[in-house]
Amino acid sequence: MTIRTAAALLVAGLSLLAAAPTAQATSLATISPGERIDYTADDGSGSFCTTGYVYTGTNDHSYAITAGHCHTEDGGRVIAQISGATGYFVATVVAPARTGGPDYGLIDFGPRVASRTATDTVAFAATASPLTPNVGDTVCRLGVSSGTHCGAVAYTYGDDQFMTTGMPASVAGDSGGPVWITDDDGTAHIVGIWLGEN
């Protein structure tokens, strides 16, 4: 298969999701997949990314998963652009470049924020664990900079990533966004998070 645009996505079959969604409490703000998050490090530097998956943990805190490379320095905070909800990275794993290893971060938005599984553009299934894509499957991604695009899984890359074809190049800020497969009834099932151009 010819790869026109090769980009990596991380399958979100991570132990982070073992805490799985629980009932949501009344809250002041919400976060959802595909939302822009702005990260500011303690030294004042910053970046922005996209939320890939959100859930409410057993401790009633709302969590978001994004790309680990979005967390550039220890400390700092994350602000969700739409709701203004503030969170902090509580776990980050980033394997060395070009190894196909894990690249994810977990953000804790606390107990006064609700997680939503749907956005204005995609209705995501409220499942506890993501599906695993197969080579040839059509997958779509959502990034705050470039929008929604679909393509096909081309091949596996290392233990934790897949390469895709048929999608335009992603833009800075798309990292961490949701990647999904849509079933016959139109429901989107998250399969991972977008890592960007490789």
N, C-alpha and C. Protein backbone atom coordinates (compact mmCIF):
# COMPACT_ATOMS: atom_id res chain seq x y z
N MET A 1 0.84 -1.16 0.00
CA MET A 1 0.00 0.00 0.00
C MET A 1 0.89 1.23 0.00
N THR A 2 0.61 2.18 -0.89
CA THR A 2 1.38 3.41 -0.94
C THR A 2 0.93 4.34 0.17
N ILE A 3 1.88 4.88 0.89
CA ILE A 3 1.58 5.80 1.97
C ILE A 3 1.73 7.22 1.43
N ARG A 4 0.61 7.93 1.28
CA ARG A 4 0.69 9.31 0.81
C ARG A 4 0.94 10.27 1.97
N THR A 5 0.23 10.07 3.04
CA THR A 5 0.47 10.87 4.25
C THR A 5 0.61 9.89 5.38
N ALA A 6 1.79 9.80 5.95
CA ALA A 6 2.01 8.87 7.05
C ALA A 6 1.94 9.63 8.36
N ALA A 7 1.07 9.18 9.23
CA ALA A 7 0.95 9.82 10.53
C ALA A 7 0.68 8.76 11.56
N ALA A 8 1.11 9.00 12.79
CA ALA A 8 1.00 7.99 13.83
C ALA A 8 -0.17 8.26 14.74
N LEU A 9 -0.84 7.20 15.17
CA LEU A 9 -1.85 7.33 16.20
C LEU A 9 -1.56 6.29 17.26
N LEU A 10 -1.87 6.63 18.47
CA LEU A 10 -1.60 5.73 19.59
C LEU A 10 -2.89 5.05 19.98
N VAL A 11 -2.87 3.74 20.01
CA VAL A 11 -4.05 3.02 20.47
C VAL A 11 -4.21 3.29 21.95
N ALA A 12 -5.39 3.73 22.32
CA ALA A 12 -5.61 4.14 23.72
C ALA A 12 -6.01 2.96 24.59
N GLY A 13 -5.54 1.77 24.28
CA GLY A 13 -5.80 0.63 25.14
C GLY A 13 -4.84 0.69 26.31
N LEU A 14 -4.95 1.74 27.05
CA LEU A 14 -4.00 2.05 28.10
C LEU A 14 -4.58 1.69 29.45
N SER A 15 -3.71 1.43 30.38
CA SER A 15 -4.17 1.13 31.74
C SER A 15 -4.89 2.32 32.34
N LEU A 16 -4.68 3.51 31.79
CA LEU A 16 -5.37 4.69 32.29
C LEU A 16 -6.87 4.55 32.17
N LEU A 17 -7.32 3.80 31.18
CA LEU A 17 -8.75 3.67 30.97
C LEU A 17 -9.38 2.62 31.86
N ALA A 18 -8.57 1.92 32.62
CA ALA A 18 -9.11 0.90 33.51
C ALA A 18 -10.01 1.51 34.57
N ALA A 19 -9.81 2.80 34.86
CA ALA A 19 -10.65 3.47 35.85
C ALA A 19 -12.04 3.75 35.30
N ALA A 20 -12.22 3.69 33.99
CA ALA A 20 -13.48 3.73 33.28
C ALA A 20 -14.51 4.72 33.79
N PRO A 21 -15.44 5.10 32.91
CA PRO A 21 -16.43 6.09 33.27
C PRO A 21 -17.37 5.62 34.39
N THR A 22 -17.74 6.55 35.23
CA THR A 22 -18.74 6.30 36.26
C THR A 22 -19.81 7.37 36.12
N ALA A 23 -20.79 7.33 36.99
CA ALA A 23 -21.85 8.33 36.94
C ALA A 23 -21.25 9.71 37.15
N GLN A 24 -21.81 10.71 36.44
CA GLN A 24 -21.28 12.05 36.52
C GLN A 24 -22.02 12.86 37.58
N ALA A 25 -21.27 13.67 38.30
CA ALA A 25 -21.86 14.52 39.33
C ALA A 25 -22.20 15.88 38.73
N THR A 26 -23.06 16.62 39.41
CA THR A 26 -23.37 17.97 39.00
C THR A 26 -22.09 18.79 39.04
N SER A 27 -21.88 19.64 38.03
CA SER A 27 -20.62 20.36 37.95
C SER A 27 -20.81 21.73 37.34
N LEU A 28 -19.76 22.51 37.35
CA LEU A 28 -19.78 23.86 36.82
C LEU A 28 -19.36 23.93 35.37
N ALA A 29 -18.54 23.01 34.90
CA ALA A 29 -18.01 23.06 33.55
C ALA A 29 -17.93 21.66 32.99
N THR A 30 -17.72 21.56 31.67
CA THR A 30 -17.60 20.25 31.03
C THR A 30 -16.36 20.23 30.13
N ILE A 31 -15.86 19.03 29.90
CA ILE A 31 -14.82 18.81 28.92
C ILE A 31 -15.28 17.69 28.01
N SER A 32 -14.78 17.66 26.78
CA SER A 32 -15.20 16.62 25.84
C SER A 32 -14.07 16.29 24.88
N PRO A 33 -14.17 15.14 24.20
CA PRO A 33 -13.15 14.79 23.20
C PRO A 33 -13.13 15.84 22.09
N GLY A 34 -11.96 16.13 21.59
CA GLY A 34 -11.84 17.08 20.48
C GLY A 34 -11.78 18.53 20.90
N GLU A 35 -11.66 18.80 22.20
CA GLU A 35 -11.61 20.18 22.69
C GLU A 35 -10.17 20.68 22.75
N ARG A 36 -9.99 21.96 22.47
CA ARG A 36 -8.65 22.56 22.59
C ARG A 36 -8.30 22.73 24.06
N ILE A 37 -7.06 22.34 24.39
CA ILE A 37 -6.53 22.56 25.73
C ILE A 37 -5.21 23.33 25.59
N ASP A 38 -5.06 24.34 26.42
CA ASP A 38 -3.84 25.15 26.42
C ASP A 38 -3.03 24.81 27.65
N TYR A 39 -1.75 24.48 27.42
CA TYR A 39 -0.86 24.12 28.52
C TYR A 39 0.14 25.24 28.75
N THR A 40 0.28 25.66 29.98
CA THR A 40 1.28 26.66 30.35
C THR A 40 2.19 26.07 31.42
N ALA A 41 3.48 25.98 31.11
CA ALA A 41 4.46 25.45 32.06
C ALA A 41 4.78 26.50 33.12
N ASP A 42 5.40 26.06 34.20
CA ASP A 42 5.77 26.98 35.28
C ASP A 42 6.70 28.10 34.81
N ASP A 43 7.49 27.82 33.77
CA ASP A 43 8.42 28.85 33.29
C ASP A 43 7.76 29.82 32.31
N GLY A 44 6.44 29.66 32.08
CA GLY A 44 5.72 30.57 31.20
C GLY A 44 5.59 30.10 29.77
N SER A 45 6.37 29.07 29.36
CA SER A 45 6.24 28.54 28.01
C SER A 45 4.94 27.76 27.89
N GLY A 46 4.52 27.53 26.68
CA GLY A 46 3.26 26.82 26.54
C GLY A 46 3.08 26.14 25.21
N SER A 47 2.00 25.42 25.09
CA SER A 47 1.62 24.73 23.87
C SER A 47 0.11 24.50 23.92
N PHE A 48 -0.44 24.01 22.84
CA PHE A 48 -1.85 23.62 22.87
C PHE A 48 -2.02 22.32 22.11
N CYS A 49 -3.01 21.56 22.54
CA CYS A 49 -3.29 20.26 21.94
C CYS A 49 -4.80 20.03 21.92
N THR A 50 -5.19 18.79 21.65
CA THR A 50 -6.59 18.41 21.57
C THR A 50 -6.85 17.28 22.56
N THR A 51 -8.00 17.29 23.22
CA THR A 51 -8.35 16.17 24.10
C THR A 51 -8.81 14.99 23.25
N GLY A 52 -8.37 13.80 23.64
CA GLY A 52 -8.71 12.61 22.87
C GLY A 52 -9.83 11.80 23.47
N TYR A 53 -9.84 11.67 24.77
CA TYR A 53 -10.84 10.85 25.45
C TYR A 53 -11.03 11.46 26.83
N VAL A 54 -12.28 11.51 27.28
CA VAL A 54 -12.56 12.04 28.61
C VAL A 54 -13.44 11.05 29.38
N TYR A 55 -13.26 11.03 30.69
CA TYR A 55 -14.08 10.16 31.52
C TYR A 55 -14.09 10.66 32.95
N THR A 56 -15.04 10.19 33.72
CA THR A 56 -15.12 10.51 35.14
C THR A 56 -14.65 9.28 35.91
N GLY A 57 -13.65 9.46 36.76
CA GLY A 57 -13.07 8.35 37.51
C GLY A 57 -13.90 7.98 38.72
N THR A 58 -13.49 6.92 39.38
CA THR A 58 -14.20 6.45 40.56
C THR A 58 -14.13 7.45 41.71
N ASN A 59 -13.19 8.39 41.63
CA ASN A 59 -13.08 9.44 42.66
C ASN A 59 -13.90 10.68 42.30
N ASP A 60 -14.74 10.58 41.25
CA ASP A 60 -15.57 11.67 40.74
C ASP A 60 -14.78 12.81 40.13
N HIS A 61 -13.49 12.63 39.88
CA HIS A 61 -12.72 13.62 39.14
C HIS A 61 -12.90 13.35 37.65
N SER A 62 -12.89 14.41 36.86
CA SER A 62 -12.94 14.26 35.40
C SER A 62 -11.52 14.26 34.86
N TYR A 63 -11.25 13.33 33.95
CA TYR A 63 -9.93 13.16 33.37
C TYR A 63 -10.00 13.28 31.85
N ALA A 64 -8.92 13.75 31.26
CA ALA A 64 -8.78 13.78 29.81
C ALA A 64 -7.45 13.14 29.44
N ILE A 65 -7.47 12.39 28.35
CA ILE A 65 -6.25 11.81 27.80
C ILE A 65 -5.88 12.59 26.55
N THR A 66 -4.61 12.93 26.43
CA THR A 66 -4.10 13.63 25.26
C THR A 66 -2.71 13.07 24.96
N ALA A 67 -2.01 13.65 24.01
CA ALA A 67 -0.65 13.21 23.71
C ALA A 67 0.30 13.63 24.82
N GLY A 68 1.21 12.75 25.19
CA GLY A 68 2.15 13.04 26.26
C GLY A 68 3.12 14.15 25.91
N HIS A 69 3.45 14.28 24.63
CA HIS A 69 4.40 15.33 24.25
C HIS A 69 3.81 16.73 24.37
N CYS A 70 2.52 16.81 24.67
CA CYS A 70 1.89 18.12 24.92
C CYS A 70 2.33 18.69 26.26
N HIS A 71 2.81 17.84 27.15
CA HIS A 71 3.29 18.25 28.47
C HIS A 71 4.79 18.44 28.36
N THR A 72 5.21 19.68 28.19
CA THR A 72 6.61 19.94 27.87
C THR A 72 7.52 20.11 29.07
N GLU A 73 6.99 20.48 30.23
CA GLU A 73 7.80 20.71 31.42
C GLU A 73 7.05 20.20 32.64
N ASP A 74 7.76 19.94 33.72
CA ASP A 74 7.10 19.59 34.97
C ASP A 74 6.29 20.78 35.46
N GLY A 75 5.20 20.50 36.16
CA GLY A 75 4.36 21.57 36.69
C GLY A 75 3.47 22.14 35.61
N GLY A 76 2.96 23.31 35.85
CA GLY A 76 2.09 23.97 34.88
C GLY A 76 0.66 23.52 34.99
N ARG A 77 -0.19 24.15 34.19
CA ARG A 77 -1.62 23.81 34.21
C ARG A 77 -2.18 23.78 32.80
N VAL A 78 -3.34 23.15 32.68
CA VAL A 78 -4.04 23.01 31.42
C VAL A 78 -5.38 23.72 31.55
N ILE A 79 -5.75 24.49 30.54
CA ILE A 79 -7.05 25.14 30.55
C ILE A 79 -7.82 24.71 29.31
N ALA A 80 -9.05 24.21 29.51
CA ALA A 80 -9.92 23.84 28.40
C ALA A 80 -10.50 25.12 27.81
N GLN A 81 -10.32 25.29 26.51
CA GLN A 81 -10.66 26.57 25.89
C GLN A 81 -12.15 26.90 25.96
N ILE A 82 -13.02 25.92 25.75
CA ILE A 82 -14.45 26.20 25.70
C ILE A 82 -15.02 26.52 27.07
N SER A 83 -14.74 25.68 28.04
CA SER A 83 -15.35 25.83 29.36
C SER A 83 -14.50 26.64 30.34
N GLY A 84 -13.21 26.75 30.07
CA GLY A 84 -12.31 27.42 31.01
C GLY A 84 -11.90 26.52 32.17
N ALA A 85 -12.29 25.24 32.15
CA ALA A 85 -11.93 24.30 33.22
C ALA A 85 -10.41 24.18 33.30
N THR A 86 -9.87 24.12 34.51
CA THR A 86 -8.43 24.03 34.74
C THR A 86 -8.07 22.65 35.26
N GLY A 87 -7.01 22.09 34.70
CA GLY A 87 -6.53 20.78 35.14
C GLY A 87 -5.01 20.74 35.17
N TYR A 88 -4.49 19.59 35.60
CA TYR A 88 -3.05 19.40 35.72
C TYR A 88 -2.69 18.00 35.22
N PHE A 89 -1.55 17.88 34.52
CA PHE A 89 -1.06 16.57 34.12
C PHE A 89 -0.70 15.78 35.38
N VAL A 90 -1.23 14.56 35.48
CA VAL A 90 -0.91 13.70 36.62
C VAL A 90 -0.11 12.47 36.19
N ALA A 91 -0.02 12.22 34.89
CA ALA A 91 0.79 11.12 34.35
C ALA A 91 1.15 11.47 32.91
N THR A 92 2.39 11.18 32.54
CA THR A 92 2.85 11.39 31.17
C THR A 92 3.84 10.28 30.83
N VAL A 93 3.64 9.67 29.66
CA VAL A 93 4.57 8.67 29.16
C VAL A 93 4.89 9.02 27.71
N VAL A 94 6.17 9.23 27.42
CA VAL A 94 6.59 9.54 26.05
C VAL A 94 7.81 8.69 25.74
N ALA A 95 7.65 7.75 24.82
CA ALA A 95 8.77 6.89 24.42
C ALA A 95 9.72 7.69 23.52
N PRO A 96 10.96 7.24 23.38
CA PRO A 96 11.88 7.92 22.46
C PRO A 96 11.29 8.01 21.05
N ALA A 97 11.62 9.08 20.35
CA ALA A 97 11.11 9.31 18.99
C ALA A 97 11.42 8.14 18.07
N ARG A 98 10.52 7.89 17.15
CA ARG A 98 10.66 6.88 16.09
C ARG A 98 10.79 5.46 16.60
N THR A 99 10.19 5.17 17.77
CA THR A 99 10.22 3.80 18.27
C THR A 99 8.84 3.14 18.21
N GLY A 100 7.81 3.94 17.96
CA GLY A 100 6.45 3.38 17.94
C GLY A 100 5.94 3.06 19.32
N GLY A 101 6.56 3.64 20.33
CA GLY A 101 6.15 3.39 21.71
C GLY A 101 5.06 4.35 22.17
N PRO A 102 4.70 4.28 23.45
CA PRO A 102 3.60 5.08 23.98
C PRO A 102 3.92 6.57 23.99
N ASP A 103 2.88 7.37 23.87
CA ASP A 103 2.97 8.83 23.93
C ASP A 103 1.61 9.33 24.39
N TYR A 104 1.41 9.40 25.69
CA TYR A 104 0.11 9.84 26.20
C TYR A 104 0.28 10.56 27.53
N GLY A 105 -0.69 11.39 27.82
CA GLY A 105 -0.73 12.11 29.08
C GLY A 105 -2.13 12.09 29.66
N LEU A 106 -2.21 12.08 30.98
CA LEU A 106 -3.48 12.07 31.68
C LEU A 106 -3.61 13.38 32.46
N ILE A 107 -4.72 14.08 32.23
CA ILE A 107 -4.98 15.36 32.88
C ILE A 107 -6.13 15.21 33.86
N ASP A 108 -5.94 15.66 35.08
CA ASP A 108 -6.98 15.64 36.11
C ASP A 108 -7.61 17.03 36.17
N PHE A 109 -8.91 17.10 35.84
CA PHE A 109 -9.65 18.36 35.89
C PHE A 109 -10.41 18.53 37.20
N GLY A 110 -10.31 17.56 38.10
CA GLY A 110 -10.92 17.69 39.42
C GLY A 110 -12.38 17.29 39.46
N PRO A 111 -13.01 17.47 40.63
CA PRO A 111 -14.36 16.96 40.85
C PRO A 111 -15.48 17.90 40.41
N ARG A 112 -15.18 19.14 40.06
CA ARG A 112 -16.25 20.08 39.71
C ARG A 112 -16.34 20.30 38.21
N VAL A 113 -15.91 19.29 37.45
CA VAL A 113 -15.95 19.33 35.99
C VAL A 113 -16.57 18.03 35.51
N ALA A 114 -17.48 18.09 34.56
CA ALA A 114 -18.11 16.88 34.02
C ALA A 114 -17.47 16.52 32.69
N SER A 115 -17.36 15.23 32.42
CA SER A 115 -16.87 14.78 31.12
C SER A 115 -18.06 14.43 30.25
N ARG A 116 -17.94 14.76 28.97
CA ARG A 116 -18.98 14.44 28.00
C ARG A 116 -18.39 13.54 26.93
N THR A 117 -19.16 12.57 26.46
CA THR A 117 -18.64 11.67 25.42
C THR A 117 -18.99 12.16 24.03
N ALA A 118 -19.80 13.20 23.90
CA ALA A 118 -20.20 13.69 22.59
C ALA A 118 -19.72 15.11 22.37
N THR A 119 -19.41 15.43 21.13
CA THR A 119 -19.09 16.80 20.75
C THR A 119 -20.16 17.25 19.77
N ASP A 120 -20.05 18.46 19.29
CA ASP A 120 -21.03 18.96 18.31
C ASP A 120 -20.90 18.26 16.97
N THR A 121 -19.75 17.64 16.70
CA THR A 121 -19.52 17.04 15.39
C THR A 121 -19.56 15.52 15.38
N VAL A 122 -19.30 14.87 16.52
CA VAL A 122 -19.25 13.40 16.57
C VAL A 122 -19.94 12.92 17.84
N ALA A 123 -20.75 11.85 17.71
CA ALA A 123 -21.36 11.21 18.88
C ALA A 123 -20.54 9.98 19.22
N PHE A 124 -19.78 10.05 20.31
CA PHE A 124 -18.93 8.94 20.71
C PHE A 124 -19.68 7.98 21.62
N ALA A 125 -19.45 6.69 21.43
CA ALA A 125 -20.02 5.67 22.31
C ALA A 125 -19.41 5.82 23.69
N ALA A 126 -20.21 5.61 24.70
CA ALA A 126 -19.73 5.71 26.09
C ALA A 126 -19.23 4.34 26.52
N THR A 127 -18.12 3.89 25.93
CA THR A 127 -17.56 2.58 26.26
C THR A 127 -16.36 2.75 27.18
N ALA A 128 -16.12 1.74 27.99
CA ALA A 128 -15.04 1.81 28.98
C ALA A 128 -13.67 1.60 28.37
N SER A 129 -13.59 0.87 27.27
CA SER A 129 -12.28 0.64 26.66
C SER A 129 -12.39 0.77 25.15
N PRO A 130 -11.33 1.25 24.52
CA PRO A 130 -11.36 1.46 23.07
C PRO A 130 -11.22 0.17 22.29
N LEU A 131 -11.64 0.23 21.03
CA LEU A 131 -11.47 -0.89 20.11
C LEU A 131 -10.04 -0.86 19.56
N THR A 132 -9.60 -1.98 19.03
CA THR A 132 -8.30 -2.04 18.37
C THR A 132 -8.53 -2.07 16.86
N PRO A 133 -7.95 -1.12 16.13
CA PRO A 133 -8.16 -1.11 14.67
C PRO A 133 -7.34 -2.19 13.98
N ASN A 134 -7.75 -2.54 12.77
CA ASN A 134 -7.03 -3.49 11.94
C ASN A 134 -6.52 -2.77 10.70
N VAL A 135 -5.46 -3.28 10.10
CA VAL A 135 -4.96 -2.72 8.86
C VAL A 135 -6.09 -2.73 7.83
N GLY A 136 -6.28 -1.62 7.17
CA GLY A 136 -7.34 -1.47 6.17
C GLY A 136 -8.60 -0.80 6.70
N ASP A 137 -8.79 -0.76 8.02
CA ASP A 137 -9.96 -0.10 8.60
C ASP A 137 -9.94 1.40 8.29
N THR A 138 -11.14 1.94 8.05
CA THR A 138 -11.27 3.39 7.92
C THR A 138 -11.33 4.00 9.31
N VAL A 139 -10.47 4.96 9.56
CA VAL A 139 -10.45 5.68 10.83
C VAL A 139 -10.55 7.17 10.55
N CYS A 140 -11.10 7.90 11.52
CA CYS A 140 -11.20 9.35 11.40
C CYS A 140 -10.53 9.98 12.61
N ARG A 141 -10.11 11.22 12.44
CA ARG A 141 -9.48 11.95 13.54
C ARG A 141 -10.05 13.36 13.59
N LEU A 142 -9.97 13.94 14.78
CA LEU A 142 -10.44 15.31 14.99
C LEU A 142 -9.34 16.08 15.70
N GLY A 143 -8.93 17.18 15.12
CA GLY A 143 -7.92 18.05 15.73
C GLY A 143 -8.40 19.48 15.72
N VAL A 144 -8.05 20.23 16.74
CA VAL A 144 -8.54 21.60 16.85
C VAL A 144 -7.99 22.52 15.76
N SER A 145 -6.88 22.15 15.15
CA SER A 145 -6.28 23.00 14.12
C SER A 145 -6.75 22.66 12.71
N SER A 146 -6.87 21.37 12.41
CA SER A 146 -7.20 21.01 11.02
C SER A 146 -8.59 20.43 10.83
N GLY A 147 -9.33 20.18 11.92
CA GLY A 147 -10.69 19.66 11.78
C GLY A 147 -10.73 18.14 11.71
N THR A 148 -11.76 17.62 11.04
CA THR A 148 -12.01 16.18 10.96
C THR A 148 -11.57 15.64 9.60
N HIS A 149 -10.84 14.52 9.62
CA HIS A 149 -10.37 13.88 8.39
C HIS A 149 -10.40 12.38 8.59
N CYS A 150 -10.61 11.64 7.50
CA CYS A 150 -10.65 10.18 7.55
C CYS A 150 -9.64 9.60 6.56
N GLY A 151 -9.18 8.40 6.88
CA GLY A 151 -8.24 7.69 6.04
C GLY A 151 -8.27 6.22 6.43
N ALA A 152 -7.20 5.51 6.13
CA ALA A 152 -7.15 4.08 6.43
C ALA A 152 -5.92 3.74 7.24
N VAL A 153 -6.04 2.70 8.07
CA VAL A 153 -4.89 2.18 8.81
C VAL A 153 -4.00 1.46 7.80
N ALA A 154 -2.74 1.88 7.71
CA ALA A 154 -1.82 1.31 6.72
C ALA A 154 -1.00 0.17 7.29
N TYR A 155 -0.45 0.34 8.49
CA TYR A 155 0.35 -0.71 9.11
C TYR A 155 0.61 -0.36 10.57
N THR A 156 1.03 -1.37 11.33
CA THR A 156 1.39 -1.12 12.73
C THR A 156 2.79 -0.54 12.76
N TYR A 157 3.05 0.23 13.82
CA TYR A 157 4.34 0.90 13.96
C TYR A 157 4.77 0.75 15.42
N GLY A 158 5.71 -0.12 15.68
CA GLY A 158 6.10 -0.40 17.06
C GLY A 158 4.98 -1.13 17.80
N ASP A 159 5.04 -1.09 19.11
CA ASP A 159 4.05 -1.80 19.92
C ASP A 159 2.77 -1.01 20.17
N ASP A 160 2.83 0.31 20.02
CA ASP A 160 1.70 1.12 20.45
C ASP A 160 1.10 2.03 19.40
N GLN A 161 1.65 2.05 18.20
CA GLN A 161 1.18 3.00 17.20
C GLN A 161 0.80 2.33 15.90
N PHE A 162 0.00 3.05 15.12
CA PHE A 162 -0.36 2.66 13.77
C PHE A 162 -0.05 3.83 12.85
N MET A 163 0.22 3.53 11.59
CA MET A 163 0.39 4.56 10.58
C MET A 163 -0.86 4.57 9.71
N THR A 164 -1.20 5.76 9.22
CA THR A 164 -2.40 5.89 8.39
C THR A 164 -2.03 6.44 7.02
N THR A 165 -2.95 6.31 6.09
CA THR A 165 -2.80 6.84 4.75
C THR A 165 -4.11 7.50 4.34
N GLY A 166 -4.01 8.42 3.39
CA GLY A 166 -5.22 9.04 2.85
C GLY A 166 -5.71 10.25 3.62
N MET A 167 -4.95 10.71 4.60
CA MET A 167 -5.34 11.90 5.36
C MET A 167 -4.39 13.04 5.04
N PRO A 168 -4.89 14.28 5.07
CA PRO A 168 -3.96 15.40 4.89
C PRO A 168 -3.06 15.53 6.11
N ALA A 169 -2.01 16.28 5.95
CA ALA A 169 -1.08 16.49 7.05
C ALA A 169 -1.80 17.17 8.21
N SER A 170 -1.45 16.75 9.42
CA SER A 170 -2.02 17.42 10.58
C SER A 170 -1.24 18.69 10.85
N VAL A 171 -1.81 19.52 11.72
CA VAL A 171 -1.24 20.83 12.02
C VAL A 171 -0.94 20.87 13.52
N ALA A 172 0.00 21.69 13.93
CA ALA A 172 0.30 21.83 15.35
C ALA A 172 -0.98 22.10 16.12
N GLY A 173 -1.16 21.38 17.23
CA GLY A 173 -2.38 21.50 18.03
C GLY A 173 -3.30 20.32 17.86
N ASP A 174 -3.17 19.55 16.76
CA ASP A 174 -4.01 18.37 16.53
C ASP A 174 -3.62 17.20 17.45
N SER A 175 -2.38 17.20 17.93
CA SER A 175 -1.91 16.09 18.76
C SER A 175 -2.83 15.84 19.94
N GLY A 176 -3.07 14.56 20.20
CA GLY A 176 -3.90 14.15 21.32
C GLY A 176 -5.36 13.98 20.98
N GLY A 177 -5.78 14.42 19.80
CA GLY A 177 -7.19 14.35 19.43
C GLY A 177 -7.69 12.92 19.27
N PRO A 178 -9.02 12.74 19.32
CA PRO A 178 -9.59 11.40 19.21
C PRO A 178 -9.45 10.81 17.82
N VAL A 179 -9.25 9.50 17.77
CA VAL A 179 -9.25 8.72 16.53
C VAL A 179 -10.31 7.65 16.71
N TRP A 180 -11.18 7.47 15.72
CA TRP A 180 -12.31 6.56 15.90
C TRP A 180 -12.68 5.80 14.64
N ILE A 181 -13.45 4.74 14.87
CA ILE A 181 -14.08 3.95 13.82
C ILE A 181 -15.58 4.15 13.98
N THR A 182 -16.30 4.32 12.88
CA THR A 182 -17.75 4.50 12.93
C THR A 182 -18.43 3.21 12.52
N ASP A 183 -19.38 2.73 13.35
CA ASP A 183 -20.08 1.49 13.00
C ASP A 183 -21.27 1.78 12.08
N ASP A 184 -22.02 0.73 11.71
CA ASP A 184 -23.08 0.85 10.73
C ASP A 184 -24.21 1.79 11.15
N ASP A 185 -24.42 1.95 12.46
CA ASP A 185 -25.49 2.84 12.90
C ASP A 185 -25.01 4.27 13.13
N GLY A 186 -23.75 4.55 12.77
CA GLY A 186 -23.22 5.91 12.87
C GLY A 186 -22.57 6.25 14.19
N THR A 187 -22.49 5.28 15.10
CA THR A 187 -21.84 5.54 16.39
C THR A 187 -20.33 5.47 16.23
N ALA A 188 -19.64 6.43 16.80
CA ALA A 188 -18.18 6.47 16.73
C ALA A 188 -17.58 5.80 17.95
N HIS A 189 -16.65 4.87 17.72
CA HIS A 189 -15.96 4.16 18.80
C HIS A 189 -14.50 4.58 18.80
N ILE A 190 -14.04 5.14 19.90
CA ILE A 190 -12.66 5.61 19.98
C ILE A 190 -11.70 4.42 19.91
N VAL A 191 -10.66 4.58 19.07
CA VAL A 191 -9.63 3.55 18.96
C VAL A 191 -8.27 4.05 19.43
N GLY A 192 -8.12 5.35 19.62
CA GLY A 192 -6.84 5.85 20.06
C GLY A 192 -6.80 7.36 20.06
N ILE A 193 -5.59 7.90 20.14
CA ILE A 193 -5.37 9.34 20.06
C ILE A 193 -4.38 9.64 18.96
N TRP A 194 -4.51 10.82 18.39
CA TRP A 194 -3.68 11.23 17.26
C TRP A 194 -2.35 11.78 17.77
N LEU A 195 -1.26 11.35 17.15
CA LEU A 195 0.05 11.84 17.55
C LEU A 195 0.64 12.83 16.57
N GLY A 196 0.07 12.91 15.39
CA GLY A 196 0.53 13.90 14.42
C GLY A 196 1.43 13.31 13.37
N GLU A 197 1.93 14.19 12.53
CA GLU A 197 2.79 13.82 11.41
C GLU A 197 4.04 13.14 11.94
N ASN A 198 4.48 12.09 11.27
CA ASN A 198 5.66 11.37 11.75
C ASN A 198 6.86 11.72 10.88
